[in-house]
Amino acid sequence: MAATKRVRRDSLLGPARARREWLQREIAKTDAQLKFLEDHIRAQQERIEELERVGGEMAAARDFLVTLQDCREAHETYRLRLARDLEAT
């Protein structure tokens, strides 16, 4: 659905309902992103384990793992805020 049609439809439903629907969609997207990040974190941990076994350089791999974990934490914080906002509406 085109963005303008969606805005028009949502505005007819009322601002509170439109906000709830937006929050629900945003929570669903964030949940999918968190699943995606978990998969990548698990794969990166496996890469690090393999590098440890073969004696490879792990600094960059560990740095990337930290970046993924930081990203997951930011998404979790965002999801909590969305959930609180949804609860308040």
N, C-alpha and C. Protein backbone atom coordinates (compact mmCIF):
# COMPACT_ATOMS: atom_id res chain seq x y z
N MET A 1 0.86 -1.17 0.00
CA MET A 1 0.00 0.00 0.00
C MET A 1 0.90 1.23 0.00
N ALA A 2 0.55 2.19 -0.77
CA ALA A 2 1.35 3.40 -0.86
C ALA A 2 1.32 4.12 0.48
N ALA A 3 2.40 4.82 0.77
CA ALA A 3 2.53 5.49 2.06
C ALA A 3 1.42 6.51 2.27
N THR A 4 1.06 7.25 1.23
CA THR A 4 0.02 8.27 1.40
C THR A 4 -1.34 7.64 1.69
N LYS A 5 -1.64 6.51 1.05
CA LYS A 5 -2.90 5.83 1.32
C LYS A 5 -2.92 5.29 2.75
N ARG A 6 -1.78 4.76 3.20
CA ARG A 6 -1.69 4.22 4.55
C ARG A 6 -1.88 5.35 5.57
N VAL A 7 -1.25 6.49 5.34
CA VAL A 7 -1.40 7.63 6.25
C VAL A 7 -2.85 8.07 6.31
N ARG A 8 -3.49 8.18 5.14
CA ARG A 8 -4.90 8.57 5.10
C ARG A 8 -5.76 7.57 5.86
N ARG A 9 -5.54 6.28 5.62
CA ARG A 9 -6.33 5.24 6.29
C ARG A 9 -6.10 5.30 7.80
N ASP A 10 -4.84 5.42 8.21
CA ASP A 10 -4.53 5.48 9.63
C ASP A 10 -5.13 6.70 10.29
N SER A 11 -5.12 7.82 9.58
CA SER A 11 -5.69 9.02 10.19
C SER A 11 -7.19 8.87 10.38
N LEU A 12 -7.86 8.10 9.53
CA LEU A 12 -9.29 7.85 9.69
C LEU A 12 -9.57 6.94 10.89
N LEU A 13 -8.61 6.10 11.22
CA LEU A 13 -8.78 5.19 12.35
C LEU A 13 -8.56 5.91 13.68
N GLY A 14 -7.95 7.04 13.66
CA GLY A 14 -7.66 7.79 14.87
C GLY A 14 -6.20 7.69 15.22
N PRO A 15 -5.65 8.73 15.79
CA PRO A 15 -4.21 8.76 16.07
C PRO A 15 -3.76 7.68 17.04
N ALA A 16 -4.56 7.36 18.04
CA ALA A 16 -4.13 6.34 19.01
C ALA A 16 -4.05 4.96 18.36
N ARG A 17 -5.05 4.63 17.57
CA ARG A 17 -5.04 3.32 16.90
C ARG A 17 -3.91 3.24 15.87
N ALA A 18 -3.72 4.32 15.13
CA ALA A 18 -2.64 4.35 14.14
C ALA A 18 -1.29 4.20 14.84
N ARG A 19 -1.12 4.85 15.98
CA ARG A 19 0.14 4.73 16.73
C ARG A 19 0.34 3.31 17.22
N ARG A 20 -0.72 2.69 17.76
CA ARG A 20 -0.61 1.29 18.22
C ARG A 20 -0.21 0.36 17.08
N GLU A 21 -0.83 0.54 15.92
CA GLU A 21 -0.50 -0.31 14.77
C GLU A 21 0.94 -0.09 14.34
N TRP A 22 1.39 1.16 14.35
CA TRP A 22 2.78 1.45 13.98
C TRP A 22 3.73 0.80 14.97
N LEU A 23 3.44 0.92 16.27
CA LEU A 23 4.28 0.32 17.30
C LEU A 23 4.34 -1.20 17.13
N GLN A 24 3.19 -1.82 16.84
CA GLN A 24 3.17 -3.27 16.64
C GLN A 24 4.02 -3.68 15.44
N ARG A 25 3.92 -2.92 14.35
CA ARG A 25 4.75 -3.22 13.17
C ARG A 25 6.23 -3.04 13.49
N GLU A 26 6.54 -1.99 14.21
CA GLU A 26 7.93 -1.70 14.53
C GLU A 26 8.51 -2.76 15.47
N ILE A 27 7.71 -3.23 16.40
CA ILE A 27 8.15 -4.32 17.30
C ILE A 27 8.40 -5.58 16.49
N ALA A 28 7.54 -5.90 15.56
CA ALA A 28 7.72 -7.09 14.71
C ALA A 28 9.00 -6.98 13.90
N LYS A 29 9.27 -5.80 13.34
CA LYS A 29 10.51 -5.61 12.58
C LYS A 29 11.73 -5.75 13.49
N THR A 30 11.64 -5.20 14.68
CA THR A 30 12.76 -5.28 15.62
C THR A 30 13.00 -6.72 16.05
N ASP A 31 11.93 -7.47 16.27
CA ASP A 31 12.07 -8.89 16.61
C ASP A 31 12.80 -9.65 15.50
N ALA A 32 12.45 -9.36 14.25
CA ALA A 32 13.10 -10.02 13.12
C ALA A 32 14.58 -9.63 13.06
N GLN A 33 14.88 -8.37 13.33
CA GLN A 33 16.27 -7.92 13.31
C GLN A 33 17.06 -8.57 14.45
N LEU A 34 16.43 -8.72 15.61
CA LEU A 34 17.11 -9.38 16.72
C LEU A 34 17.41 -10.84 16.39
N LYS A 35 16.48 -11.52 15.74
CA LYS A 35 16.73 -12.91 15.32
C LYS A 35 17.89 -12.97 14.35
N PHE A 36 17.90 -12.06 13.40
CA PHE A 36 18.98 -11.97 12.42
C PHE A 36 20.32 -11.75 13.13
N LEU A 37 20.35 -10.84 14.09
CA LEU A 37 21.58 -10.56 14.84
C LEU A 37 22.03 -11.78 15.64
N GLU A 38 21.09 -12.46 16.28
CA GLU A 38 21.44 -13.66 17.05
C GLU A 38 22.11 -14.71 16.16
N ASP A 39 21.57 -14.88 14.96
CA ASP A 39 22.16 -15.83 14.02
C ASP A 39 23.59 -15.42 13.66
N HIS A 40 23.79 -14.13 13.44
CA HIS A 40 25.12 -13.64 13.08
C HIS A 40 26.09 -13.72 14.25
N ILE A 41 25.61 -13.46 15.45
CA ILE A 41 26.47 -13.57 16.64
C ILE A 41 26.90 -15.01 16.83
N ARG A 42 25.97 -15.93 16.69
CA ARG A 42 26.30 -17.35 16.83
C ARG A 42 27.33 -17.77 15.78
N ALA A 43 27.14 -17.34 14.54
CA ALA A 43 28.08 -17.68 13.47
C ALA A 43 29.45 -17.07 13.74
N GLN A 44 29.48 -15.84 14.25
CA GLN A 44 30.76 -15.20 14.53
C GLN A 44 31.48 -15.90 15.68
N GLN A 45 30.74 -16.33 16.68
CA GLN A 45 31.35 -17.09 17.77
C GLN A 45 31.96 -18.39 17.26
N GLU A 46 31.27 -19.03 16.32
CA GLU A 46 31.82 -20.25 15.72
C GLU A 46 33.10 -19.95 14.94
N ARG A 47 33.13 -18.83 14.22
CA ARG A 47 34.35 -18.45 13.50
C ARG A 47 35.51 -18.24 14.45
N ILE A 48 35.23 -17.59 15.57
CA ILE A 48 36.28 -17.34 16.56
C ILE A 48 36.79 -18.65 17.14
N GLU A 49 35.88 -19.57 17.43
CA GLU A 49 36.29 -20.89 17.93
C GLU A 49 37.18 -21.60 16.92
N GLU A 50 36.81 -21.51 15.65
CA GLU A 50 37.63 -22.14 14.60
C GLU A 50 39.01 -21.48 14.52
N LEU A 51 39.04 -20.17 14.60
CA LEU A 51 40.34 -19.47 14.58
C LEU A 51 41.19 -19.87 15.77
N GLU A 52 40.59 -20.05 16.92
CA GLU A 52 41.33 -20.51 18.11
C GLU A 52 41.93 -21.89 17.87
N ARG A 53 41.14 -22.78 17.24
CA ARG A 53 41.62 -24.14 16.98
C ARG A 53 42.82 -24.15 16.03
N VAL A 54 42.80 -23.29 15.02
CA VAL A 54 43.87 -23.31 14.02
C VAL A 54 44.97 -22.29 14.31
N GLY A 55 44.81 -21.55 15.41
CA GLY A 55 45.83 -20.57 15.77
C GLY A 55 45.82 -19.32 14.90
N GLY A 56 44.66 -18.97 14.38
CA GLY A 56 44.55 -17.79 13.52
C GLY A 56 44.44 -16.50 14.31
N GLU A 57 44.58 -15.40 13.59
CA GLU A 57 44.45 -14.07 14.18
C GLU A 57 42.98 -13.81 14.49
N MET A 58 42.70 -13.45 15.73
CA MET A 58 41.31 -13.32 16.16
C MET A 58 40.90 -11.89 16.51
N ALA A 59 41.79 -10.94 16.49
CA ALA A 59 41.47 -9.59 16.94
C ALA A 59 40.31 -8.99 16.15
N ALA A 60 40.38 -9.04 14.85
CA ALA A 60 39.32 -8.46 14.02
C ALA A 60 38.01 -9.22 14.22
N ALA A 61 38.08 -10.52 14.34
CA ALA A 61 36.88 -11.34 14.54
C ALA A 61 36.22 -11.00 15.87
N ARG A 62 37.03 -10.81 16.91
CA ARG A 62 36.47 -10.45 18.22
C ARG A 62 35.89 -9.04 18.20
N ASP A 63 36.58 -8.12 17.52
CA ASP A 63 36.06 -6.76 17.39
C ASP A 63 34.69 -6.76 16.70
N PHE A 64 34.58 -7.55 15.65
CA PHE A 64 33.30 -7.63 14.94
C PHE A 64 32.22 -8.24 15.82
N LEU A 65 32.58 -9.23 16.63
CA LEU A 65 31.62 -9.83 17.55
C LEU A 65 31.11 -8.78 18.54
N VAL A 66 32.00 -7.96 19.05
CA VAL A 66 31.60 -6.89 19.97
C VAL A 66 30.64 -5.92 19.27
N THR A 67 30.92 -5.60 18.02
CA THR A 67 30.04 -4.72 17.25
C THR A 67 28.65 -5.33 17.11
N LEU A 68 28.59 -6.61 16.80
CA LEU A 68 27.30 -7.30 16.68
C LEU A 68 26.56 -7.30 18.01
N GLN A 69 27.27 -7.54 19.10
CA GLN A 69 26.65 -7.56 20.41
C GLN A 69 26.14 -6.17 20.81
N ASP A 70 26.90 -5.14 20.48
CA ASP A 70 26.45 -3.76 20.74
C ASP A 70 25.19 -3.44 19.95
N CYS A 71 25.15 -3.90 18.72
CA CYS A 71 23.99 -3.68 17.87
C CYS A 71 22.77 -4.40 18.45
N ARG A 72 22.96 -5.61 18.93
CA ARG A 72 21.87 -6.36 19.55
C ARG A 72 21.35 -5.62 20.78
N GLU A 73 22.27 -5.11 21.58
CA GLU A 73 21.87 -4.38 22.78
C GLU A 73 21.05 -3.13 22.43
N ALA A 74 21.46 -2.42 21.39
CA ALA A 74 20.72 -1.24 20.96
C ALA A 74 19.31 -1.62 20.48
N HIS A 75 19.21 -2.73 19.74
CA HIS A 75 17.90 -3.19 19.27
C HIS A 75 17.02 -3.64 20.44
N GLU A 76 17.62 -4.31 21.42
CA GLU A 76 16.85 -4.73 22.60
C GLU A 76 16.31 -3.52 23.36
N THR A 77 17.14 -2.50 23.51
CA THR A 77 16.72 -1.27 24.19
C THR A 77 15.59 -0.60 23.44
N TYR A 78 15.72 -0.54 22.12
CA TYR A 78 14.69 0.05 21.27
C TYR A 78 13.39 -0.73 21.41
N ARG A 79 13.47 -2.05 21.41
CA ARG A 79 12.27 -2.88 21.52
C ARG A 79 11.58 -2.67 22.86
N LEU A 80 12.35 -2.56 23.92
CA LEU A 80 11.77 -2.30 25.23
C LEU A 80 11.03 -0.97 25.26
N ARG A 81 11.63 0.04 24.63
CA ARG A 81 10.97 1.35 24.57
C ARG A 81 9.67 1.27 23.78
N LEU A 82 9.71 0.56 22.66
CA LEU A 82 8.50 0.39 21.86
C LEU A 82 7.41 -0.33 22.65
N ALA A 83 7.79 -1.38 23.37
CA ALA A 83 6.83 -2.14 24.15
C ALA A 83 6.21 -1.27 25.25
N ARG A 84 7.04 -0.46 25.90
CA ARG A 84 6.51 0.45 26.93
C ARG A 84 5.53 1.46 26.32
N ASP A 85 5.92 1.99 25.14
CA ASP A 85 5.04 2.94 24.46
C ASP A 85 3.72 2.28 24.07
N LEU A 86 3.79 1.04 23.59
CA LEU A 86 2.57 0.32 23.21
C LEU A 86 1.68 0.09 24.43
N GLU A 87 2.30 -0.28 25.52
CA GLU A 87 1.55 -0.51 26.75
C GLU A 87 0.85 0.76 27.23
N ALA A 88 1.48 1.90 27.00
CA ALA A 88 0.93 3.19 27.46
C ALA A 88 -0.19 3.72 26.57
N THR A 89 -0.30 3.15 25.34
CA THR A 89 -1.33 3.67 24.43
C THR A 89 -2.65 2.98 24.61
